[in-house]
Structure formats: C-alpha cells, structure tokens
Amino acid sequence: MTQREIDLLVSRMQMHDKVGNNQYYTGNGLTKNLIAESDSQYGVVETLNFERGEINLRTFREAGATEIMEIEP
C-alpha cells in the first residue's frame, strides 16, 4: 500500500469517527453486499452523509434523485 493510500484510509477513519462513514466500506469505493441471496460481492457505492438521521435510498430513487445500476469494480 502506498503512503498516499495509507493517508487516505487514515483520513477516512478520522471522518468515520466524526460523521459515521459506512462500516462495510471495502476500500474500493463500494460497500460489502449483505444480501445473502445475491450473487454480487459488492453493495452500493459508499456515500458520505452529514445528516445524523437514516437516509432511505428508495425515497431518493422514487423522486428521481438517484438510480441503481450494475457496475464492475
């Protein structure tokens, strides 16, 4: 791992302590897939949320504010 990558991960962990980044972050911008029936190794793209309340992605999708797409890491 390069020093730049180490610095980025340290910064991310510092942010995690302050604003609660996704604990299932895999290190490549994606999150771990927690759906047992899914063949996909990865879940959603990690987003940074400064809100303390839960965000319902379905609400965003239904409002046309986001979309779900298949990606390859």
PDB file of N, CA and C in Angstrom:
ATOM      1  N   MET A   1       0.851  -1.167   0.000  1.00  0.00           N
ATOM      2  CA  MET A   1       0.000   0.000   0.000  1.00  0.00           C
ATOM      3  C   MET A   1       0.901   1.236   0.000  1.00  0.00           C
ATOM      4  N   THR A   2       0.569   2.198  -0.846  1.00  0.00           N
ATOM      5  CA  THR A   2       1.385   3.411  -0.905  1.00  0.00           C
ATOM      6  C   THR A   2       1.087   4.317   0.285  1.00  0.00           C
ATOM      7  N   GLN A   3       2.007   5.247   0.528  1.00  0.00           N
ATOM      8  CA  GLN A   3       1.782   6.200   1.621  1.00  0.00           C
ATOM      9  C   GLN A   3       0.522   7.031   1.360  1.00  0.00           C
ATOM     10  N   ARG A   4       0.275   7.370   0.103  1.00  0.00           N
ATOM     11  CA  ARG A   4      -0.942   8.140  -0.250  1.00  0.00           C
ATOM     12  C   ARG A   4      -2.196   7.344   0.119  1.00  0.00           C
ATOM     13  N   GLU A   5      -2.220   6.049  -0.208  1.00  0.00           N
ATOM     14  CA  GLU A   5      -3.369   5.206   0.135  1.00  0.00           C
ATOM     15  C   GLU A   5      -3.542   5.095   1.651  1.00  0.00           C
ATOM     16  N   ILE A   6      -2.434   4.963   2.349  1.00  0.00           N
ATOM     17  CA  ILE A   6      -2.490   4.903   3.813  1.00  0.00           C
ATOM     18  C   ILE A   6      -3.060   6.204   4.367  1.00  0.00           C
ATOM     19  N   ASP A   7      -2.572   7.335   3.850  1.00  0.00           N
ATOM     20  CA  ASP A   7      -3.064   8.637   4.311  1.00  0.00           C
ATOM     21  C   ASP A   7      -4.558   8.791   4.046  1.00  0.00           C
ATOM     22  N   LEU A   8      -5.015   8.339   2.878  1.00  0.00           N
ATOM     23  CA  LEU A   8      -6.441   8.431   2.551  1.00  0.00           C
ATOM     24  C   LEU A   8      -7.280   7.568   3.486  1.00  0.00           C
ATOM     25  N   LEU A   9      -6.816   6.363   3.775  1.00  0.00           N
ATOM     26  CA  LEU A   9      -7.566   5.496   4.686  1.00  0.00           C
ATOM     27  C   LEU A   9      -7.572   6.038   6.115  1.00  0.00           C
ATOM     28  N   VAL A  10      -6.458   6.623   6.538  1.00  0.00           N
ATOM     29  CA  VAL A  10      -6.419   7.243   7.868  1.00  0.00           C
ATOM     30  C   VAL A  10      -7.404   8.406   7.921  1.00  0.00           C
ATOM     31  N   SER A  11      -7.420   9.232   6.873  1.00  0.00           N
ATOM     32  CA  SER A  11      -8.377  10.346   6.817  1.00  0.00           C
ATOM     33  C   SER A  11      -9.802   9.833   6.853  1.00  0.00           C
ATOM     34  N   ARG A  12     -10.051   8.758   6.134  1.00  0.00           N
ATOM     35  CA  ARG A  12     -11.392   8.180   6.112  1.00  0.00           C
ATOM     36  C   ARG A  12     -11.799   7.702   7.504  1.00  0.00           C
ATOM     37  N   MET A  13     -10.884   7.060   8.209  1.00  0.00           N
ATOM     38  CA  MET A  13     -11.193   6.584   9.555  1.00  0.00           C
ATOM     39  C   MET A  13     -11.430   7.751  10.518  1.00  0.00           C
ATOM     40  N   GLN A  14     -10.685   8.839  10.337  1.00  0.00           N
ATOM     41  CA  GLN A  14     -10.925  10.024  11.166  1.00  0.00           C
ATOM     42  C   GLN A  14     -12.320  10.585  10.888  1.00  0.00           C
ATOM     43  N   MET A  15     -12.722  10.604   9.622  1.00  0.00           N
ATOM     44  CA  MET A  15     -14.071  11.055   9.267  1.00  0.00           C
ATOM     45  C   MET A  15     -15.109  10.105   9.849  1.00  0.00           C
ATOM     46  N   HIS A  16     -14.816   8.813   9.805  1.00  0.00           N
ATOM     47  CA  HIS A  16     -15.742   7.812  10.342  1.00  0.00           C
ATOM     48  C   HIS A  16     -16.041   8.094  11.816  1.00  0.00           C
ATOM     49  N   ASP A  17     -15.021   8.464  12.549  1.00  0.00           N
ATOM     50  CA  ASP A  17     -15.212   8.773  13.969  1.00  0.00           C
ATOM     51  C   ASP A  17     -16.101   9.992  14.175  1.00  0.00           C
ATOM     52  N   LYS A  18     -16.085  10.925  13.216  1.00  0.00           N
ATOM     53  CA  LYS A  18     -16.850  12.167  13.361  1.00  0.00           C
ATOM     54  C   LYS A  18     -18.235  12.094  12.729  1.00  0.00           C
ATOM     55  N   VAL A  19     -18.346  11.509  11.535  1.00  0.00           N
ATOM     56  CA  VAL A  19     -19.622  11.571  10.799  1.00  0.00           C
ATOM     57  C   VAL A  19     -20.199  10.215  10.421  1.00  0.00           C
ATOM     58  N   GLY A  20     -19.553   9.129  10.775  1.00  0.00           N
ATOM     59  CA  GLY A  20     -20.149   7.809  10.590  1.00  0.00           C
ATOM     60  C   GLY A  20     -20.187   7.280   9.174  1.00  0.00           C
ATOM     61  N   ASN A  21     -19.048   7.176   8.516  1.00  0.00           N
ATOM     62  CA  ASN A  21     -18.999   6.547   7.196  1.00  0.00           C
ATOM     63  C   ASN A  21     -19.492   5.107   7.297  1.00  0.00           C
ATOM     64  N   ASN A  22     -19.831   4.532   6.177  1.00  0.00           N
ATOM     65  CA  ASN A  22     -20.356   3.170   6.142  1.00  0.00           C
ATOM     66  C   ASN A  22     -19.315   2.177   6.666  1.00  0.00           C
ATOM     67  N   GLN A  23     -19.667   1.406   7.671  1.00  0.00           N
ATOM     68  CA  GLN A  23     -18.726   0.450   8.268  1.00  0.00           C
ATOM     69  C   GLN A  23     -18.448  -0.746   7.366  1.00  0.00           C
ATOM     70  N   TYR A  24     -19.192  -0.897   6.277  1.00  0.00           N
ATOM     71  CA  TYR A  24     -18.982  -2.012   5.354  1.00  0.00           C
ATOM     72  C   TYR A  24     -18.179  -1.589   4.128  1.00  0.00           C
ATOM     73  N   TYR A  25     -17.476  -0.474   4.214  1.00  0.00           N
ATOM     74  CA  TYR A  25     -16.605   0.014   3.143  1.00  0.00           C
ATOM     75  C   TYR A  25     -15.551  -1.040   2.834  1.00  0.00           C
ATOM     76  N   THR A  26     -15.336  -1.325   1.537  1.00  0.00           N
ATOM     77  CA  THR A  26     -14.387  -2.373   1.159  1.00  0.00           C
ATOM     78  C   THR A  26     -13.031  -1.840   0.714  1.00  0.00           C
ATOM     79  N   GLY A  27     -12.882  -0.517   0.662  1.00  0.00           N
ATOM     80  CA  GLY A  27     -11.602   0.061   0.273  1.00  0.00           C
ATOM     81  C   GLY A  27     -11.518   0.431  -1.190  1.00  0.00           C
ATOM     82  N   ASN A  28     -12.544   0.102  -1.984  1.00  0.00           N
ATOM     83  CA  ASN A  28     -12.518   0.409  -3.412  1.00  0.00           C
ATOM     84  C   ASN A  28     -13.657   1.343  -3.832  1.00  0.00           C
ATOM     85  N   GLY A  29     -14.293   1.991  -2.863  1.00  0.00           N
ATOM     86  CA  GLY A  29     -15.405   2.887  -3.169  1.00  0.00           C
ATOM     87  C   GLY A  29     -16.763   2.222  -3.059  1.00  0.00           C
ATOM     88  N   LEU A  30     -16.756   0.904  -2.917  1.00  0.00           N
ATOM     89  CA  LEU A  30     -18.007   0.151  -2.806  1.00  0.00           C
ATOM     90  C   LEU A  30     -18.160  -0.387  -1.391  1.00  0.00           C
ATOM     91  N   THR A  31     -19.351  -0.839  -1.078  1.00  0.00           N
ATOM     92  CA  THR A  31     -19.609  -1.436   0.225  1.00  0.00           C
ATOM     93  C   THR A  31     -19.835  -2.935   0.069  1.00  0.00           C
ATOM     94  N   LYS A  32     -19.705  -3.645   1.158  1.00  0.00           N
ATOM     95  CA  LYS A  32     -19.931  -5.089   1.169  1.00  0.00           C
ATOM     96  C   LYS A  32     -21.414  -5.370   0.943  1.00  0.00           C
ATOM     97  N   ASN A  33     -21.713  -6.367   0.127  1.00  0.00           N
ATOM     98  CA  ASN A  33     -23.096  -6.781  -0.104  1.00  0.00           C
ATOM     99  C   ASN A  33     -23.536  -7.669   1.056  1.00  0.00           C
ATOM    100  N   LEU A  34     -24.588  -7.255   1.751  1.00  0.00           N
ATOM    101  CA  LEU A  34     -25.071  -8.013   2.909  1.00  0.00           C
ATOM    102  C   LEU A  34     -26.286  -8.871   2.583  1.00  0.00           C
ATOM    103  N   ILE A  35     -26.671  -8.938   1.306  1.00  0.00           N
ATOM    104  CA  ILE A  35     -27.840  -9.721   0.893  1.00  0.00           C
ATOM    105  C   ILE A  35     -27.382 -11.150   0.609  1.00  0.00           C
ATOM    106  N   ALA A  36     -27.745 -12.067   1.460  1.00  0.00           N
ATOM    107  CA  ALA A  36     -27.264 -13.449   1.365  1.00  0.00           C
ATOM    108  C   ALA A  36     -27.649 -14.111   0.046  1.00  0.00           C
ATOM    109  N   GLU A  37     -28.817 -13.790  -0.501  1.00  0.00           N
ATOM    110  CA  GLU A  37     -29.289 -14.438  -1.728  1.00  0.00           C
ATOM    111  C   GLU A  37     -28.667 -13.846  -2.995  1.00  0.00           C
ATOM    112  N   SER A  38     -27.896 -12.797  -2.867  1.00  0.00           N
ATOM    113  CA  SER A  38     -27.328 -12.108  -4.024  1.00  0.00           C
ATOM    114  C   SER A  38     -26.018 -12.754  -4.457  1.00  0.00           C
ATOM    115  N   ASP A  39     -25.784 -12.780  -5.761  1.00  0.00           N
ATOM    116  CA  ASP A  39     -24.518 -13.279  -6.295  1.00  0.00           C
ATOM    117  C   ASP A  39     -23.440 -12.198  -6.298  1.00  0.00           C
ATOM    118  N   SER A  40     -23.826 -10.955  -6.063  1.00  0.00           N
ATOM    119  CA  SER A  40     -22.900  -9.833  -6.127  1.00  0.00           C
ATOM    120  C   SER A  40     -22.045  -9.749  -4.869  1.00  0.00           C
ATOM    121  N   GLN A  41     -20.773  -9.540  -5.056  1.00  0.00           N
ATOM    122  CA  GLN A  41     -19.847  -9.396  -3.935  1.00  0.00           C
ATOM    123  C   GLN A  41     -19.990  -8.022  -3.283  1.00  0.00           C
ATOM    124  N   TYR A  42     -20.356  -7.019  -4.099  1.00  0.00           N
ATOM    125  CA  TYR A  42     -20.389  -5.645  -3.612  1.00  0.00           C
ATOM    126  C   TYR A  42     -21.806  -5.110  -3.517  1.00  0.00           C
ATOM    127  N   GLY A  43     -21.971  -4.148  -2.615  1.00  0.00           N
ATOM    128  CA  GLY A  43     -23.243  -3.451  -2.460  1.00  0.00           C
ATOM    129  C   GLY A  43     -23.165  -2.095  -3.135  1.00  0.00           C
ATOM    130  N   VAL A  44     -23.685  -1.096  -2.475  1.00  0.00           N
ATOM    131  CA  VAL A  44     -23.772   0.241  -3.052  1.00  0.00           C
ATOM    132  C   VAL A  44     -22.438   0.966  -2.979  1.00  0.00           C
ATOM    133  N   VAL A  45     -22.339   2.021  -3.777  1.00  0.00           N
ATOM    134  CA  VAL A  45     -21.200   2.923  -3.690  1.00  0.00           C
ATOM    135  C   VAL A  45     -21.280   3.627  -2.342  1.00  0.00           C
ATOM    136  N   GLU A  46     -20.154   3.737  -1.670  1.00  0.00           N
ATOM    137  CA  GLU A  46     -20.172   4.415  -0.377  1.00  0.00           C
ATOM    138  C   GLU A  46     -20.438   5.893  -0.583  1.00  0.00           C
ATOM    139  N   THR A  47     -21.356   6.428   0.184  1.00  0.00           N
ATOM    140  CA  THR A  47     -21.629   7.864   0.154  1.00  0.00           C
ATOM    141  C   THR A  47     -21.317   8.448   1.518  1.00  0.00           C
ATOM    142  N   LEU A  48     -20.997   9.702   1.532  1.00  0.00           N
ATOM    143  CA  LEU A  48     -20.736  10.384   2.789  1.00  0.00           C
ATOM    144  C   LEU A  48     -21.953  11.221   3.128  1.00  0.00           C
ATOM    145  N   ASN A  49     -22.492  11.005   4.293  1.00  0.00           N
ATOM    146  CA  ASN A  49     -23.726  11.658   4.713  1.00  0.00           C
ATOM    147  C   ASN A  49     -23.457  12.489   5.962  1.00  0.00           C
ATOM    148  N   PHE A  50     -23.724  13.776   5.872  1.00  0.00           N
ATOM    149  CA  PHE A  50     -23.530  14.640   7.029  1.00  0.00           C
ATOM    150  C   PHE A  50     -24.773  14.729   7.897  1.00  0.00           C
ATOM    151  N   GLU A  51     -25.831  14.042   7.512  1.00  0.00           N
ATOM    152  CA  GLU A  51     -27.051  14.008   8.309  1.00  0.00           C
ATOM    153  C   GLU A  51     -26.890  12.916   9.364  1.00  0.00           C
ATOM    154  N   ARG A  52     -27.523  13.072  10.484  1.00  0.00           N
ATOM    155  CA  ARG A  52     -27.455  12.031  11.501  1.00  0.00           C
ATOM    156  C   ARG A  52     -28.623  11.065  11.399  1.00  0.00           C
ATOM    157  N   GLY A  53     -29.689  11.439  10.701  1.00  0.00           N
ATOM    158  CA  GLY A  53     -30.827  10.547  10.527  1.00  0.00           C
ATOM    159  C   GLY A  53     -30.571   9.555   9.410  1.00  0.00           C
ATOM    160  N   GLU A  54     -31.345   8.487   9.380  1.00  0.00           N
ATOM    161  CA  GLU A  54     -31.192   7.493   8.318  1.00  0.00           C
ATOM    162  C   GLU A  54     -31.650   8.064   6.982  1.00  0.00           C
ATOM    163  N   ILE A  55     -31.011   7.631   5.925  1.00  0.00           N
ATOM    164  CA  ILE A  55     -31.377   8.022   4.572  1.00  0.00           C
ATOM    165  C   ILE A  55     -32.001   6.811   3.909  1.00  0.00           C
ATOM    166  N   ASN A  56     -33.162   6.992   3.336  1.00  0.00           N
ATOM    167  CA  ASN A  56     -33.847   5.916   2.642  1.00  0.00           C
ATOM    168  C   ASN A  56     -33.589   6.081   1.148  1.00  0.00           C
ATOM    169  N   LEU A  57     -32.750   5.218   0.574  1.00  0.00           N
ATOM    170  CA  LEU A  57     -32.395   5.343  -0.837  1.00  0.00           C
ATOM    171  C   LEU A  57     -33.595   5.133  -1.743  1.00  0.00           C
ATOM    172  N   ARG A  58     -34.576   4.356  -1.307  1.00  0.00           N
ATOM    173  CA  ARG A  58     -35.781   4.159  -2.112  1.00  0.00           C
ATOM    174  C   ARG A  58     -36.498   5.495  -2.334  1.00  0.00           C
ATOM    175  N   THR A  59     -36.552   6.328  -1.308  1.00  0.00           N
ATOM    176  CA  THR A  59     -37.175   7.647  -1.432  1.00  0.00           C
ATOM    177  C   THR A  59     -36.447   8.478  -2.477  1.00  0.00           C
ATOM    178  N   PHE A  60     -35.116   8.454  -2.453  1.00  0.00           N
ATOM    179  CA  PHE A  60     -34.344   9.177  -3.460  1.00  0.00           C
ATOM    180  C   PHE A  60     -34.619   8.631  -4.859  1.00  0.00           C
ATOM    181  N   ARG A  61     -34.655   7.310  -4.991  1.00  0.00           N
ATOM    182  CA  ARG A  61     -34.893   6.695  -6.299  1.00  0.00           C
ATOM    183  C   ARG A  61     -36.275   7.057  -6.821  1.00  0.00           C
ATOM    184  N   GLU A  62     -37.288   6.968  -5.970  1.00  0.00           N
ATOM    185  CA  GLU A  62     -38.655   7.288  -6.389  1.00  0.00           C
ATOM    186  C   GLU A  62     -38.806   8.759  -6.769  1.00  0.00           C
ATOM    187  N   ALA A  63     -37.980   9.619  -6.184  1.00  0.00           N
ATOM    188  CA  ALA A  63     -38.019  11.047  -6.508  1.00  0.00           C
ATOM    189  C   ALA A  63     -37.190  11.370  -7.749  1.00  0.00           C
ATOM    190  N   GLY A  64     -36.531  10.354  -8.316  1.00  0.00           N
ATOM    191  CA  GLY A  64     -35.699  10.576  -9.498  1.00  0.00           C
ATOM    192  C   GLY A  64     -34.359  11.218  -9.175  1.00  0.00           C
ATOM    193  N   ALA A  65     -33.973  11.210  -7.898  1.00  0.00           N
ATOM    194  CA  ALA A  65     -32.730  11.850  -7.477  1.00  0.00           C
ATOM    195  C   ALA A  65     -31.520  10.931  -7.598  1.00  0.00           C
ATOM    196  N   THR A  66     -31.762   9.637  -7.746  1.00  0.00           N
ATOM    197  CA  THR A  66     -30.661   8.684  -7.872  1.00  0.00           C
ATOM    198  C   THR A  66     -31.153   7.487  -8.671  1.00  0.00           C
ATOM    199  N   GLU A  67     -30.247   6.674  -9.131  1.00  0.00           N
ATOM    200  CA  GLU A  67     -30.628   5.444  -9.818  1.00  0.00           C
ATOM    201  C   GLU A  67     -29.684   4.330  -9.398  1.00  0.00           C
ATOM    202  N   ILE A  68     -30.126   3.121  -9.572  1.00  0.00           N
ATOM    203  CA  ILE A  68     -29.325   1.951  -9.229  1.00  0.00           C
ATOM    204  C   ILE A  68     -28.850   1.321 -10.525  1.00  0.00           C
ATOM    205  N   MET A  69     -27.555   1.016 -10.602  1.00  0.00           N
ATOM    206  CA  MET A  69     -27.012   0.429 -11.822  1.00  0.00           C
ATOM    207  C   MET A  69     -25.995  -0.637 -11.472  1.00  0.00           C
ATOM    208  N   GLU A  70     -25.819  -1.568 -12.376  1.00  0.00           N
ATOM    209  CA  GLU A  70     -24.811  -2.609 -12.212  1.00  0.00           C
ATOM    210  C   GLU A  70     -23.450  -2.018 -12.565  1.00  0.00           C
ATOM    211  N   ILE A  71     -22.435  -2.285 -11.737  1.00  0.00           N
ATOM    212  CA  ILE A  71     -21.082  -1.828 -12.039  1.00  0.00           C
ATOM    213  C   ILE A  71     -20.095  -2.950 -11.768  1.00  0.00           C
ATOM    214  N   GLU A  72     -18.943  -2.841 -12.362  1.00  0.00           N
ATOM    215  CA  GLU A  72     -17.855  -3.783 -12.141  1.00  0.00           C
ATOM    216  C   GLU A  72     -16.743  -3.041 -11.418  1.00  0.00           C
ATOM    217  N   PRO A  73     -16.194  -3.589 -10.342  1.00  0.00           N
ATOM    218  CA  PRO A  73     -15.098  -2.899  -9.637  1.00  0.00           C
ATOM    219  C   PRO A  73     -13.829  -2.904 -10.463  1.00  0.00           C
TER     220      PRO A  73
END
